[in-house]
Amino acid sequence: MQAAKAETPWREGLYDVLKEVGVRQVVYVPDAGHATLIKQCHDDPEMKTGYLTNEFEGVGVCAGAWLGGERAVMLMQSSGVGNIINALGLVRSCGIPFFTIVTMRGEWGEFNPWQLPMGQATPAVLEAAGVIVNRASVAEEVVEVVRASARLAFSSYAPVAALISQRVIGAKVFK
């Protein structure tokens, strides 16, 4: 029970950060690590939310939001990072900000061997594609890492990813 209380502040704080930095559109591939934030965004009549069939689409949606005068974020899991590499050429070439919050898999206590390759490669893959990567390794730094990442993306017109460690989120367990 105490562990759930420790997680609550950062999970609730992410929504506040999105509001603070002016995000109006939130796109995602459904993910348990983002469930609280997705629900909060769905419940906000000022935010437009949409689910994606794959992460590749999210880069284009976020770029379109920017071109239409709104800020967007893509919520995804590390296993989807490989799906966005070619699409990142759009935001890099056009100088469009791209902001994503990535929940990590394939790390701390992972049970699923299929999650290991991309989970281990995510930071290097994103950096090789020209994305600025910031990482929250403990719960106390999640909100500030996400805030700094959003500000950096929208102020510098750069692609920026805020990674949330699997240790922070908690390892999934299937019985």
Protein backbone atom coordinates (compact mmCIF):
# COMPACT_ATOMS: atom_id res chain seq x y z
CA MET A 1 0.00 0.00 0.00
CA GLN A 2 2.78 2.44 0.81
CA ALA A 3 4.38 1.94 -2.62
CA ALA A 4 1.18 3.13 -4.33
CA LYS A 5 1.24 6.34 -2.28
CA ALA A 6 4.82 7.00 -3.35
CA GLU A 7 3.85 6.70 -7.03
CA THR A 8 0.81 8.97 -6.89
CA PRO A 9 2.52 12.39 -6.84
CA TRP A 10 4.52 11.93 -10.04
CA ARG A 11 1.65 10.25 -11.87
CA GLU A 12 -0.70 13.12 -11.04
CA GLY A 13 2.03 15.69 -11.59
CA LEU A 14 2.52 14.80 -15.25
CA TYR A 15 -0.93 16.06 -16.15
CA ASP A 16 -0.20 19.34 -14.36
CA VAL A 17 3.01 19.71 -16.38
CA LEU A 18 1.17 19.18 -19.67
CA LYS A 19 -1.33 21.88 -18.71
CA GLU A 20 1.45 24.21 -17.55
CA VAL A 21 3.37 23.99 -20.84
CA GLY A 22 0.24 24.39 -22.96
CA VAL A 23 -0.16 20.90 -24.42
CA ARG A 24 -3.59 20.65 -26.05
CA GLN A 25 -3.26 17.36 -27.94
CA VAL A 26 -2.27 13.98 -26.52
CA VAL A 27 -1.78 10.91 -28.71
CA TYR A 28 -0.82 7.46 -27.54
CA VAL A 29 -0.63 3.77 -28.10
CA PRO A 30 -2.44 2.36 -25.03
CA ASP A 31 0.02 1.56 -22.24
CA ALA A 32 -0.53 0.73 -18.57
CA GLY A 33 2.41 2.94 -17.59
CA HIS A 34 0.56 5.97 -18.96
CA ALA A 35 -2.94 4.93 -17.86
CA THR A 36 -3.36 7.60 -15.17
CA LEU A 37 -2.18 10.39 -17.47
CA ILE A 38 -4.32 9.16 -20.37
CA LYS A 39 -7.42 9.16 -18.16
CA GLN A 40 -6.69 12.66 -16.85
CA CYS A 41 -6.27 13.97 -20.40
CA HIS A 42 -9.46 12.25 -21.60
CA ASP A 43 -11.35 13.87 -18.72
CA ASP A 44 -10.13 17.37 -19.64
CA PRO A 45 -12.49 19.04 -22.15
CA GLU A 46 -9.66 21.39 -23.20
CA MET A 47 -7.48 18.51 -24.38
CA LYS A 48 -7.88 16.50 -27.53
CA THR A 49 -6.84 12.87 -27.13
CA GLY A 50 -6.42 10.17 -29.69
CA TYR A 51 -5.10 6.67 -29.79
CA LEU A 52 -2.74 5.51 -32.50
CA THR A 53 -2.51 2.22 -34.34
CA ASN A 54 1.27 2.57 -34.13
CA GLU A 55 3.77 5.13 -32.92
CA PHE A 56 4.83 6.19 -36.43
CA GLU A 57 1.52 8.04 -36.82
CA GLY A 58 2.15 10.01 -33.65
CA VAL A 59 5.07 11.97 -35.04
CA GLY A 60 2.90 13.24 -37.90
CA VAL A 61 -0.01 14.05 -35.61
CA CYS A 62 2.27 16.03 -33.29
CA ALA A 63 3.81 17.88 -36.25
CA GLY A 64 0.34 18.65 -37.59
CA ALA A 65 -0.76 19.95 -34.21
CA TRP A 66 2.22 22.33 -34.16
CA LEU A 67 1.51 23.53 -37.69
CA GLY A 68 -2.10 24.11 -36.61
CA GLY A 69 -1.00 26.25 -33.67
CA GLU A 70 -1.21 23.69 -30.83
CA ARG A 71 1.27 21.79 -28.73
CA ALA A 72 1.11 18.01 -28.58
CA VAL A 73 2.73 15.11 -26.79
CA MET A 74 3.00 11.47 -27.74
CA LEU A 75 2.84 8.92 -24.94
CA MET A 76 4.47 5.62 -25.75
CA GLN A 77 6.35 2.63 -24.42
CA SER A 78 9.99 1.95 -25.25
CA SER A 79 9.00 -1.03 -27.38
CA GLY A 80 7.49 1.41 -29.90
CA VAL A 81 10.55 3.62 -30.32
CA GLY A 82 11.78 1.68 -33.33
CA ASN A 83 8.54 2.53 -35.12
CA ILE A 84 9.23 6.29 -35.14
CA ILE A 85 12.78 6.50 -36.48
CA ASN A 86 11.93 7.29 -40.11
CA ALA A 87 9.16 9.69 -39.09
CA LEU A 88 11.61 11.70 -37.00
CA GLY A 89 13.10 12.95 -40.26
CA LEU A 90 10.00 15.14 -40.64
CA VAL A 91 10.45 17.04 -37.39
CA ARG A 92 14.23 17.24 -37.70
CA SER A 93 14.16 18.51 -41.30
CA CYS A 94 11.38 21.02 -40.70
CA GLY A 95 12.46 22.27 -37.27
CA ILE A 96 9.17 21.24 -35.67
CA PRO A 97 9.16 20.53 -31.93
CA PHE A 98 8.40 16.94 -31.01
CA PHE A 99 7.81 15.91 -27.41
CA THR A 100 7.31 12.37 -26.22
CA ILE A 101 7.09 10.71 -22.82
CA VAL A 102 8.37 7.14 -22.97
CA THR A 103 7.69 4.52 -20.31
CA MET A 104 10.54 2.05 -20.29
CA ARG A 105 10.37 -1.74 -20.55
CA GLY A 106 13.15 -4.29 -20.80
CA GLU A 107 14.90 -3.05 -17.68
CA TRP A 108 14.28 -3.44 -13.98
CA GLY A 109 12.61 -6.77 -13.20
CA GLU A 110 11.36 -7.35 -16.75
CA PHE A 111 9.63 -10.71 -17.21
CA ASN A 112 9.16 -10.56 -20.99
CA PRO A 113 12.31 -11.30 -23.03
CA TRP A 114 10.72 -9.66 -26.10
CA GLN A 115 10.95 -6.30 -24.32
CA LEU A 116 14.72 -6.49 -23.72
CA PRO A 117 16.19 -5.52 -27.12
CA MET A 118 14.32 -2.24 -27.61
CA GLY A 119 14.23 -1.44 -23.91
CA GLN A 120 18.00 -1.64 -23.74
CA ALA A 121 18.51 0.21 -27.04
CA THR A 122 15.96 3.02 -26.62
CA PRO A 123 18.25 5.85 -25.41
CA ALA A 124 20.96 5.11 -27.99
CA VAL A 125 18.46 4.70 -30.85
CA LEU A 126 16.74 7.99 -30.04
CA GLU A 127 20.05 9.83 -29.69
CA ALA A 128 21.32 8.38 -32.98
CA ALA A 129 18.16 9.78 -34.62
CA GLY A 130 18.90 13.24 -33.22
CA VAL A 131 16.47 13.21 -30.31
CA ILE A 132 17.50 14.83 -27.05
CA VAL A 133 16.98 12.24 -24.32
CA ASN A 134 16.31 13.03 -20.67
CA ARG A 135 15.75 10.23 -18.18
CA ALA A 136 13.99 9.96 -14.83
CA SER A 137 15.48 7.08 -12.86
CA VAL A 138 13.72 7.74 -9.55
CA ALA A 139 10.16 8.88 -8.84
CA GLU A 140 11.27 12.17 -7.31
CA GLU A 141 12.72 13.39 -10.61
CA VAL A 142 9.93 12.39 -13.01
CA VAL A 143 7.93 15.62 -12.93
CA GLU A 144 10.98 17.86 -13.33
CA VAL A 145 12.46 15.73 -16.13
CA VAL A 146 9.15 15.86 -18.01
CA ARG A 147 8.78 19.61 -17.42
CA ALA A 148 12.33 20.34 -18.57
CA SER A 149 11.90 18.09 -21.61
CA ALA A 150 8.66 19.77 -22.68
CA ARG A 151 10.12 23.25 -22.27
CA LEU A 152 13.22 22.26 -24.23
CA ALA A 153 11.20 20.76 -27.10
CA PHE A 154 8.82 23.68 -27.48
CA SER A 155 11.41 26.41 -26.92
CA SER A 156 14.16 24.98 -29.12
CA TYR A 157 12.03 23.40 -31.88
CA ALA A 158 13.79 20.08 -31.24
CA PRO A 159 12.72 16.48 -30.76
CA VAL A 160 12.93 15.62 -27.06
CA ALA A 161 12.09 12.41 -25.23
CA ALA A 162 11.51 12.10 -21.49
CA LEU A 163 12.17 8.50 -20.46
CA ILE A 164 10.62 7.12 -17.28
CA SER A 165 12.58 4.18 -15.95
CA GLN A 166 10.89 0.82 -15.46
CA ARG A 167 12.16 0.95 -11.90
CA VAL A 168 9.98 4.02 -11.33
CA ILE A 169 6.93 2.57 -13.07
CA GLY A 170 7.34 -0.88 -11.60
CA ALA A 171 7.92 -4.15 -13.38
CA LYS A 172 4.85 -5.89 -14.74
CA VAL A 173 4.15 -9.32 -13.32
CA PHE A 174 1.91 -11.87 -14.99
CA LYS A 175 0.90 -15.01 -13.15
